[in-house]
Amino acid sequence: MLNHLQAVVDEHQHDEDLDFIKACHEVLVELYPGLRLRWVHIYGKRWAYIYGNSGDLTQSSLKIQLSQNYGICIDNTKLVEPPEFDQAVAIIKEHFNGKVMV
């Protein structure tokens, strides 16, 4: 299942950040139907919504920092098995590793 995510990351690795985020988002919600996922831009302690399920905002979401500037918030991580979820996050983090965000 994660091979599809890796293929999308490889295919979109040179895209603008928002285009990359949109491509990854589509794969994740396809792989995990019902996943409530929001992508955010990180400004210090403030995490600002940029893409995803904005209508499902909750205060108890799991926050994962992908880079210095980007992160994801997930409300229902129980849809994804922990080892598989960790692998999916690692695949996406690898893209952001060392990249200067604008």
Protein backbone atom coordinates (compact mmCIF):
# COMPACT_ATOMS: atom_id res chain seq x y z
CA MET A 1 0.00 0.00 0.00
CA LEU A 2 2.76 2.43 0.86
CA ASN A 3 4.43 1.76 -2.48
CA HIS A 4 1.78 4.00 -4.04
CA LEU A 5 2.60 6.81 -1.58
CA GLN A 6 6.33 6.42 -2.29
CA ALA A 7 5.66 6.57 -6.04
CA VAL A 8 3.67 9.81 -5.63
CA VAL A 9 6.39 11.34 -3.44
CA ASP A 10 9.01 10.44 -6.06
CA GLU A 11 6.85 11.74 -8.91
CA HIS A 12 6.10 15.07 -7.20
CA GLN A 13 9.39 15.64 -5.39
CA HIS A 14 10.25 18.72 -7.47
CA ASP A 15 6.77 20.26 -7.33
CA GLU A 16 5.97 23.42 -5.43
CA ASP A 17 5.25 22.63 -1.78
CA LEU A 18 1.47 23.04 -2.00
CA ASP A 19 1.25 20.84 -5.10
CA PHE A 20 3.32 18.18 -3.33
CA ILE A 21 1.06 18.41 -0.26
CA LYS A 22 -2.09 18.06 -2.37
CA ALA A 23 -0.70 14.98 -4.13
CA CYS A 24 0.24 13.32 -0.83
CA HIS A 25 -3.10 14.24 0.72
CA GLU A 26 -5.01 12.57 -2.11
CA VAL A 27 -3.01 9.35 -1.74
CA LEU A 28 -3.42 9.24 2.04
CA VAL A 29 -7.19 9.70 1.96
CA GLU A 30 -7.39 7.12 -0.84
CA LEU A 31 -5.35 4.62 1.19
CA TYR A 32 -7.21 5.37 4.42
CA PRO A 33 -10.84 6.31 3.62
CA GLY A 34 -12.30 8.51 6.32
CA LEU A 35 -8.93 9.85 7.47
CA ARG A 36 -9.32 13.40 8.76
CA LEU A 37 -6.06 15.06 7.84
CA ARG A 38 -5.01 18.72 7.74
CA TRP A 39 -1.73 20.11 6.46
CA VAL A 40 -0.32 23.12 8.25
CA HIS A 41 2.39 25.71 7.91
CA ILE A 42 4.33 26.10 11.15
CA TYR A 43 5.10 29.59 12.42
CA GLY A 44 6.87 28.93 15.71
CA LYS A 45 4.17 27.72 18.11
CA ARG A 46 1.34 28.57 15.70
CA TRP A 47 0.21 25.88 13.26
CA ALA A 48 -1.80 27.48 10.44
CA TYR A 49 -4.13 25.43 8.23
CA ILE A 50 -3.18 25.31 4.53
CA TYR A 51 -4.92 22.22 3.10
CA GLY A 52 -7.16 19.30 3.99
CA ASN A 53 -10.24 18.63 6.09
CA SER A 54 -10.72 22.13 7.49
CA GLY A 55 -14.32 21.46 8.51
CA ASP A 56 -13.24 18.77 10.97
CA LEU A 57 -11.04 20.90 13.24
CA THR A 58 -10.59 19.54 16.75
CA GLN A 59 -8.35 20.44 19.63
CA SER A 60 -7.30 16.84 20.31
CA SER A 61 -5.70 16.04 16.97
CA LEU A 62 -2.31 14.38 16.69
CA LYS A 63 0.26 16.91 15.50
CA ILE A 64 3.25 15.67 13.53
CA GLN A 65 6.01 18.04 12.48
CA LEU A 66 7.30 17.05 9.04
CA SER A 67 9.90 19.82 8.77
CA GLN A 68 10.70 23.16 10.30
CA ASN A 69 7.90 24.73 8.28
CA TYR A 70 5.29 22.02 7.67
CA GLY A 71 3.25 19.56 9.66
CA ILE A 72 0.07 17.50 9.65
CA CYS A 73 -2.78 17.20 12.11
CA ILE A 74 -4.74 13.96 12.20
CA ASP A 75 -7.93 13.47 14.18
CA ASN A 76 -8.50 9.75 13.74
CA THR A 77 -5.17 7.93 13.61
CA LYS A 78 -6.88 4.68 14.64
CA LEU A 79 -7.73 4.14 10.96
CA VAL A 80 -4.03 3.44 10.33
CA GLU A 81 -1.99 0.68 11.94
CA PRO A 82 0.90 2.25 13.93
CA PRO A 83 3.82 0.65 12.02
CA GLU A 84 2.24 1.50 8.67
CA PHE A 85 1.37 5.01 9.84
CA ASP A 86 4.95 5.59 10.98
CA GLN A 87 6.23 4.42 7.60
CA ALA A 88 3.85 6.76 5.74
CA VAL A 89 5.01 9.72 7.84
CA ALA A 90 8.66 8.75 7.27
CA ILE A 91 8.14 8.66 3.50
CA ILE A 92 6.68 12.18 3.54
CA LYS A 93 9.28 13.52 6.00
CA GLU A 94 12.05 12.26 3.74
CA HIS A 95 10.84 14.64 1.04
CA PHE A 96 11.04 17.61 3.37
CA ASN A 97 14.38 16.57 4.90
CA GLY A 98 16.91 19.26 4.15
CA LYS A 99 14.67 21.11 1.70
CA VAL A 100 14.46 24.86 2.11
CA MET A 101 10.78 25.78 2.21
CA VAL A 102 9.44 29.00 0.76
